[in-house]
Each structure stands twice: as C-alpha cells, then as structure tokens.
Protein backbone atom coordinates (compact mmCIF):
# COMPACT_ATOMS: atom_id res chain seq x y z
CA MET A 1 184.77 109.89 141.42
CA HIS A 2 187.46 112.10 142.92
CA LYS A 3 190.48 110.51 144.51
CA PRO A 4 190.63 111.17 148.28
CA MET A 5 193.25 113.67 149.30
CA SER A 6 196.59 112.31 150.45
CA GLN A 7 197.51 112.95 154.07
CA PRO A 8 199.46 116.21 154.52
CA SER A 9 201.73 117.33 157.34
CA PRO A 10 200.18 117.91 160.80
CA CYS A 11 197.63 120.68 161.27
CA PRO A 12 196.37 120.90 157.68
CA THR A 13 194.28 123.91 156.68
CA ILE A 14 191.78 121.97 154.55
CA ILE A 15 189.73 118.95 155.64
CA GLU A 16 186.80 116.98 154.23
CA ILE A 17 183.63 115.79 155.91
CA ASN A 18 181.80 112.55 155.20
CA GLU A 19 178.13 112.88 156.21
CA VAL A 20 176.85 109.59 157.64
CA ALA A 21 173.45 110.51 159.11
CA PRO A 22 171.38 109.02 156.26
CA ARG A 23 172.90 105.64 157.12
CA ASP A 24 174.31 105.71 160.68
CA GLY A 25 171.60 108.02 161.95
CA LEU A 26 168.46 106.62 160.37
CA GLN A 27 169.26 102.96 160.93
CA ILE A 28 168.46 103.12 164.66
CA GLU A 29 165.55 105.57 164.53
CA ALA A 30 162.19 104.40 165.85
CA ARG A 31 160.27 105.41 162.74
CA PHE A 32 160.82 104.69 159.06
CA VAL A 33 161.53 107.86 157.11
CA PRO A 34 159.70 107.61 153.76
CA THR A 35 161.93 107.18 150.72
CA GLU A 36 160.88 110.48 149.14
CA GLU A 37 161.80 112.36 152.31
CA LYS A 38 165.19 110.65 152.50
CA ILE A 39 165.90 111.64 148.91
CA ARG A 40 164.96 115.29 149.51
CA TRP A 41 167.12 115.33 152.65
CA ILE A 42 170.18 113.85 150.94
CA ASP A 43 169.73 116.23 147.99
CA ALA A 44 169.71 119.14 150.44
CA LEU A 45 172.85 117.82 152.14
CA SER A 46 174.67 117.41 148.83
CA SER A 47 174.21 121.13 148.08
CA THR A 48 176.03 122.27 151.25
CA GLY A 49 179.60 121.48 150.14
CA LEU A 50 180.01 118.10 151.84
CA ARG A 51 182.57 115.95 150.02
CA ARG A 52 181.01 112.55 150.70
CA ILE A 53 177.61 111.31 151.85
CA GLU A 54 177.02 107.81 153.19
CA ALA A 55 173.52 107.50 151.79
CA THR A 56 172.41 104.09 153.06
CA SER A 57 173.38 100.49 153.71
CA PHE A 58 172.77 97.56 151.37
CA THR A 59 171.98 95.15 154.16
CA SER A 60 169.13 92.75 154.74
CA PRO A 61 165.77 94.53 155.20
CA LYS A 62 165.15 92.14 158.08
CA ALA A 63 168.33 93.28 159.80
CA ILE A 64 167.76 97.03 159.30
CA PRO A 65 164.16 97.70 158.21
CA ASN A 66 164.73 101.46 158.19
CA LEU A 67 167.09 101.11 155.21
CA ARG A 68 165.06 98.62 153.20
CA ASP A 69 164.74 101.18 150.40
CA ALA A 70 168.50 101.43 149.77
CA ALA A 71 168.39 100.97 146.00
CA ASP A 72 165.49 103.39 145.55
CA VAL A 73 167.29 106.04 147.59
CA VAL A 74 170.62 105.76 145.75
CA THR A 75 169.02 105.77 142.30
CA GLY A 76 166.62 108.59 143.25
CA ILE A 77 169.04 111.19 144.62
CA GLN A 78 170.69 113.90 142.56
CA ARG A 79 174.31 113.16 141.77
CA ARG A 80 176.39 116.30 142.14
CA LYS A 81 179.90 116.75 140.82
CA GLY A 82 182.43 116.65 143.65
CA VAL A 83 180.12 114.79 146.05
CA ASP A 84 180.82 111.08 146.32
CA ILE A 85 177.99 108.77 147.32
CA THR A 86 179.15 106.11 149.74
CA VAL A 87 177.20 103.09 150.98
CA LEU A 88 177.91 100.53 153.65
CA VAL A 89 177.78 96.88 152.60
CA PRO A 90 177.96 93.88 154.95
CA ASN A 91 178.60 91.09 152.46
CA VAL A 92 179.01 90.04 148.82
CA LYS A 93 175.29 90.26 148.07
CA GLY A 94 175.20 93.81 149.38
CA THR A 95 178.25 94.66 147.28
CA GLU A 96 176.58 93.41 144.12
CA ARG A 97 173.44 95.46 144.86
CA ALA A 98 175.53 98.57 145.53
CA LEU A 99 177.58 98.20 142.35
CA ALA A 100 174.36 97.89 140.33
CA CYS A 101 173.39 101.35 141.63
CA GLN A 102 176.70 102.89 140.47
CA VAL A 103 177.87 104.18 143.84
CA ASP A 104 181.19 105.99 144.13
CA GLU A 105 182.46 104.23 147.23
CA ILE A 106 181.75 101.06 149.18
CA ASN A 107 182.38 101.03 152.91
CA LEU A 108 183.03 97.65 154.50
CA VAL A 109 182.88 97.18 158.26
CA MET A 110 184.65 94.92 160.73
CA SER A 111 185.59 95.03 164.41
CA ALA A 112 189.00 95.18 166.04
CA SER A 113 187.73 93.07 168.95
CA ASN A 114 186.42 89.52 168.77
CA SER A 115 183.44 90.09 171.05
CA HIS A 116 182.11 93.16 169.24
CA GLY A 117 182.59 91.45 165.89
CA LEU A 118 180.58 88.46 167.05
CA ALA A 119 177.86 90.61 168.63
CA ASN A 120 177.52 93.06 165.75
CA LEU A 121 178.48 91.02 162.68
CA ARG A 122 178.57 87.42 163.89
CA MET A 123 182.17 87.28 162.71
CA THR A 124 185.61 87.50 164.25
CA PRO A 125 188.05 90.00 162.69
CA GLU A 126 189.76 87.16 160.84
CA GLN A 127 186.45 85.98 159.39
CA SER A 128 185.67 89.54 158.28
CA LEU A 129 189.01 89.74 156.49
CA GLU A 130 188.24 86.52 154.63
CA GLN A 131 184.93 87.99 153.45
CA PHE A 132 186.62 91.25 152.43
CA ALA A 133 188.93 89.32 150.12
CA VAL A 134 185.90 87.91 148.28
CA ILE A 135 184.25 91.34 148.09
CA LEU A 136 187.41 92.86 146.65
CA ASP A 137 187.47 90.18 144.00
CA VAL A 138 183.84 90.87 143.09
CA SER A 139 184.43 94.63 142.80
CA LYS A 140 187.93 94.65 141.29
CA ASP A 141 186.90 95.88 137.83
CA SER A 142 184.23 98.34 138.99
CA GLY A 143 186.44 101.37 139.59
CA VAL A 144 184.63 101.92 142.89
CA PHE A 145 186.73 103.09 145.84
CA ILE A 146 186.79 100.48 148.63
CA ASN A 147 187.03 101.69 152.22
CA ALA A 148 186.97 99.60 155.38
CA SER A 149 185.73 100.86 158.74
CA LEU A 150 187.47 99.33 161.74
CA SER A 151 185.05 99.42 164.68
CA THR A 152 186.21 99.48 168.33
CA ALA A 153 189.61 100.84 167.28
CA PHE A 154 189.72 102.84 170.51
CA GLY A 155 188.04 100.39 172.87
CA CYS A 156 185.43 97.64 173.04
CA PRO A 157 182.27 97.88 175.19
CA PHE A 158 182.67 94.19 176.11
CA GLU A 159 186.45 93.70 176.34
CA GLY A 160 187.63 97.18 177.28
CA ASP A 161 190.97 98.34 175.92
CA VAL A 162 191.97 97.27 172.41
CA PRO A 163 195.79 97.41 172.16
CA GLU A 164 197.14 99.84 169.59
CA ALA A 165 199.33 97.04 168.27
CA ARG A 166 196.21 94.99 167.47
CA VAL A 167 194.68 97.89 165.56
CA LEU A 168 197.89 98.40 163.57
CA GLU A 169 198.03 94.68 162.81
CA LEU A 170 194.51 94.75 161.37
CA VAL A 171 195.14 97.94 159.38
CA GLU A 172 198.20 96.27 157.86
CA LYS A 173 196.09 93.26 156.85
CA LEU A 174 193.40 95.49 155.34
CA ILE A 175 195.89 97.41 153.23
CA GLY A 176 197.60 94.18 152.28
CA LEU A 177 194.31 92.86 150.93
CA GLY A 178 193.93 95.88 148.67
CA ILE A 179 191.61 98.06 150.76
CA GLN A 180 192.14 101.63 149.54
CA GLY A 181 190.99 103.63 152.56
CA VAL A 182 190.55 102.91 156.28
CA THR A 183 188.23 104.47 158.83
CA LEU A 184 189.21 104.22 162.49
CA CYS A 185 186.03 104.14 164.58
CA ASP A 186 185.45 105.12 168.18
CA THR A 187 182.35 102.97 168.13
CA THR A 188 180.95 103.65 171.60
CA GLY A 189 182.67 106.90 172.56
CA MET A 190 185.53 105.45 174.61
CA ALA A 191 188.42 107.36 173.02
CA ASN A 192 190.43 110.15 174.61
CA PRO A 193 192.59 112.77 172.86
CA ALA A 194 195.96 111.34 173.94
CA GLN A 195 194.97 107.89 172.65
CA VAL A 196 193.68 109.40 169.41
CA LYS A 197 196.87 111.36 168.82
CA SER A 198 199.02 108.28 169.37
CA LEU A 199 197.09 106.01 167.00
CA CYS A 200 196.72 108.65 164.29
CA GLU A 201 200.43 109.46 164.33
CA ALA A 202 201.22 105.74 164.14
CA VAL A 203 199.07 105.00 161.09
CA LEU A 204 200.13 108.13 159.22
CA GLU A 205 203.79 107.33 159.78
CA ARG A 206 203.42 103.74 158.58
CA TRP A 207 200.96 104.31 155.70
CA PRO A 208 201.33 107.96 154.59
CA ASP A 209 199.65 107.34 151.23
CA THR A 210 196.52 105.67 152.63
CA PRO A 211 193.49 107.94 153.17
CA PHE A 212 192.50 107.54 156.83
CA THR A 213 189.13 108.74 158.12
CA LEU A 214 188.26 109.18 161.80
CA HIS A 215 184.79 108.28 163.06
CA PHE A 216 184.08 109.58 166.56
CA HIS A 217 181.07 109.43 168.82
CA ASN A 218 180.22 112.02 171.44
CA THR A 219 178.76 109.57 173.95
CA ARG A 220 180.91 110.92 176.78
CA GLY A 221 181.30 114.46 175.50
CA MET A 222 184.79 114.07 174.01
CA GLY A 223 183.93 113.98 170.33
CA LEU A 224 185.22 117.42 169.36
CA ALA A 225 188.32 117.10 171.56
CA ASN A 226 189.14 113.81 169.86
CA ALA A 227 188.58 115.30 166.40
CA LEU A 228 190.93 118.16 167.29
CA ALA A 229 193.60 115.69 168.41
CA ALA A 230 193.25 113.73 165.17
CA TRP A 231 193.54 116.91 163.08
CA GLN A 232 196.63 117.99 165.01
CA ALA A 233 198.16 114.63 164.15
CA GLY A 234 197.51 115.25 160.43
CA ILE A 235 194.11 113.65 159.74
CA ILE A 236 191.99 115.47 157.15
CA ARG A 237 188.96 113.16 156.75
CA PHE A 238 186.18 112.90 159.32
CA ASP A 239 182.85 111.11 159.52
CA ALA A 240 180.06 113.10 161.13
CA SER A 241 176.30 112.85 161.48
CA LEU A 242 173.92 115.76 161.07
CA GLY A 243 172.34 116.75 164.36
CA GLY A 244 174.34 114.10 166.18
CA LEU A 245 172.00 111.35 164.98
CA GLY A 246 172.98 107.75 165.46
CA GLY A 247 175.31 105.72 167.60
CA CYS A 248 176.07 102.15 168.51
CA PRO A 249 173.21 100.18 170.12
CA PHE A 250 175.69 98.63 172.56
CA ALA A 251 176.35 101.99 174.27
CA PRO A 252 173.56 103.44 176.42
CA GLY A 253 173.30 107.20 175.92
CA GLN A 254 175.18 106.99 172.63
CA ARG A 255 175.69 110.16 170.62
CA ALA A 256 177.22 110.51 167.19
CA MET A 257 179.65 113.25 166.22
CA CYS A 258 177.48 116.18 165.15
CA THR A 259 178.35 117.46 161.66
CA GLU A 260 177.38 121.09 162.15
CA ASP A 261 179.22 121.27 165.50
CA LEU A 262 182.36 119.77 163.93
CA VAL A 263 182.22 122.11 160.93
CA HIS A 264 181.65 125.10 163.22
CA MET A 265 184.71 124.22 165.33
CA PHE A 266 187.02 123.90 162.34
CA GLU A 267 185.69 126.97 160.55
CA ALA A 268 186.07 129.05 163.74
CA MET A 269 189.70 127.92 163.81
CA GLY A 270 190.23 129.03 160.21
CA VAL A 271 190.30 125.47 158.84
CA ASP A 272 188.50 125.12 155.51
CA THR A 273 185.90 122.33 155.44
CA GLY A 274 184.44 123.30 152.08
CA VAL A 275 181.02 123.31 153.75
CA ASP A 276 178.56 126.22 153.75
CA LEU A 277 177.78 126.21 157.47
CA ASP A 278 174.69 128.40 157.14
CA ALA A 279 173.24 126.04 154.53
CA LEU A 280 174.11 123.04 156.71
CA LEU A 281 172.38 124.60 159.72
CA GLU A 282 169.26 125.14 157.64
CA VAL A 283 169.17 121.43 156.83
CA ALA A 284 169.89 120.51 160.45
CA ALA A 285 166.94 122.63 161.59
CA THR A 286 164.60 120.36 159.59
CA LEU A 287 165.65 117.20 161.44
CA PRO A 288 163.11 117.27 164.30
CA ASP A 289 160.26 117.28 161.78
CA LEU A 290 161.92 114.59 159.67
CA ILE A 291 162.51 112.09 162.48
CA GLY A 292 159.92 113.21 165.04
CA HIS A 293 162.13 114.26 167.95
CA ASP A 294 164.79 116.75 169.04
CA VAL A 295 168.47 116.17 168.22
CA PRO A 296 171.56 116.78 170.39
CA GLY A 297 173.40 119.17 168.05
CA GLN A 298 174.42 122.39 169.81
CA VAL A 299 175.24 125.00 167.17
CA VAL A 300 171.82 124.75 165.51
CA LYS A 301 170.32 125.77 168.87
CA ALA A 302 172.87 128.29 170.14
CA GLY A 303 173.86 129.77 166.78
CA LYS A 304 177.39 130.29 165.49
CA SER A 305 180.02 131.89 167.72
CA THR A 306 179.73 135.02 165.56
CA ARG A 307 176.13 135.48 166.72
CA ARG A 308 175.61 138.76 168.56
CA TYR A 309 172.91 139.77 171.02
CA ALA A 310 171.28 143.05 171.86
CA MET A 311 172.49 144.72 175.03
CA PRO A 312 169.99 144.37 177.88
CA VAL A 313 167.91 147.45 178.51
CA ARG A 314 168.35 148.75 182.03
CA GLU A 315 166.08 151.21 183.70
CA SER A 316 167.77 154.36 184.89
C-alpha cells in the first residue's frame, strides 16, 4: 500500500483521483450488475492510471442489495501495483469482512449534520465517532489505511448551512481518534467555490500532514468549479465517479462528479493526474451497456478539447 501524498503548496502540478463509481455509482442503480461484469469493469479501470478505486461497500445485503457480492468482487479483481483498493464500511462487522479480503484502505462514513446522520446512518455525529473508535481498535494491527468521509460538510439537505466551525470541530475529533485521512463531502451538491476555498484553506492550515480528499457532486452544475477551487487551495486528492454515476438519494436530480470530465479539465490545464484519459474514455463508453442507460458525462460524448473537425464544405 502506498502512503498518500502529503499536501503541497497551493496549485500543485500533480493530483490523484479516487474512482468511486463501483461503490457510489452502482449502489443506487436500478439493476444488479453481475459480479463477473463488475470485476471486468474494475480491472479495466485499474489499468488506466487511477491511484485508488473504491470497489464496493461491506454493508448489509438488505441495505444495499446491489453490493451484496462485495467479498467476491474484492477477491476476484486483479491487484495492480500502485492502485489501492478502497472499500466503504458502515460498522465493525463490515470492517472485519473487509480486512479478511486484504483491502488497502477502509473508508468510514459519518455526517456533519444530525439530521442527515439520522436519516442516512441512524446515528448522530457523536454516535458515529463512538463507533469509529471501536473500528479503529479492531483494525489497529492490520496496516490498513483508515479514512473517514464527512458527509454534508458543505450543507445539509434537511438543515441547510453547516457552519465551517462545526466541520472543523468534527475533523479535529476524527484526527484525534487516529483517523489517517479525511474526505470532505459535498453530499447533495450544495457547495460553491468560495465556500470550498475557505474550508480547504482552513483544514490544510490546521492539519498540513493529513491527506484530505474532496468529494463533490455536480447536482447543480458546480462540480468542476468546486474542484478547481479546492485545487487552488492546495488539495491534491479527489473522489470522482466514472460517467457521473451515483449521488445521494436525498437530492432529486443528483449527479456525481464525473471522473473523465475532471481528468480532462486538469490535464487541459497541464496538471498531471497520472491517468490515461483515452483509456479512461474507452471504459466510460462501455457504461451504457453495463448499467442499461445513458450517463451524464460530457467529454465521452463531445470528445477532448483537442478534437478537431473538418471544415464545412460550401458550394461556390
């Protein structure tokens, strides 16, 4: 397992992408994607230069039937050097199942707002922190990297604004527990670039040695603008979902941050993502057949900005 990069000064020239579509995308799809197809898809993704892939979630099959094959997927995929396999776990039982499959990273999840935590996890933030302490104890000798995703860090669909001070308070508690990395999540696409810049600068100033990841949604069309603001503040790690799959069920019209669109933006700016964009677009083009419907990603339809067209023929 590679150690996540430390946070550099603002406007870094190298970033890393964590692909979350196999988990965040598939969990809300109408149809179950067969295990063999998931494995082929993840294997294709791992050959594109992505640094991390969130392959599945070790949750109850009753809660998320689409991911009921979590263990089979993780043990069936090819493990490539330099590509960490991450899984989301909701509790101690899920942690134990994930550790048995020798994952590289475990991603815990909690909410910054009480109402979203109760609606999504049936726990307040304080109750989530208590559970995290137990999970950390269970996994302490595993060598597995432990990350925590903080949902509604930029706003709650039920409560509205979540004060930056509250987010910083929870991040401090997470790091104090021994959490190694933190993901700040714009769970329902409420963030704006000014808000993103402020929070990112605040966490990087207070915890410069902690790897922070930003997880944006494009529900209101501001995903790329928010990612740009985070990068300008010094963030180098981003979650993204191939084709724009996924989103929170509490946000009508939800859209995830599209991986190929994010990679295209950074590469066009001269920022190295380590990803082979052409290879990634080839995988993205297979999504409609895999899941049975079109996806919102733009670059796979329009082509890269370097695409050129024939001049129109005009009659003399």
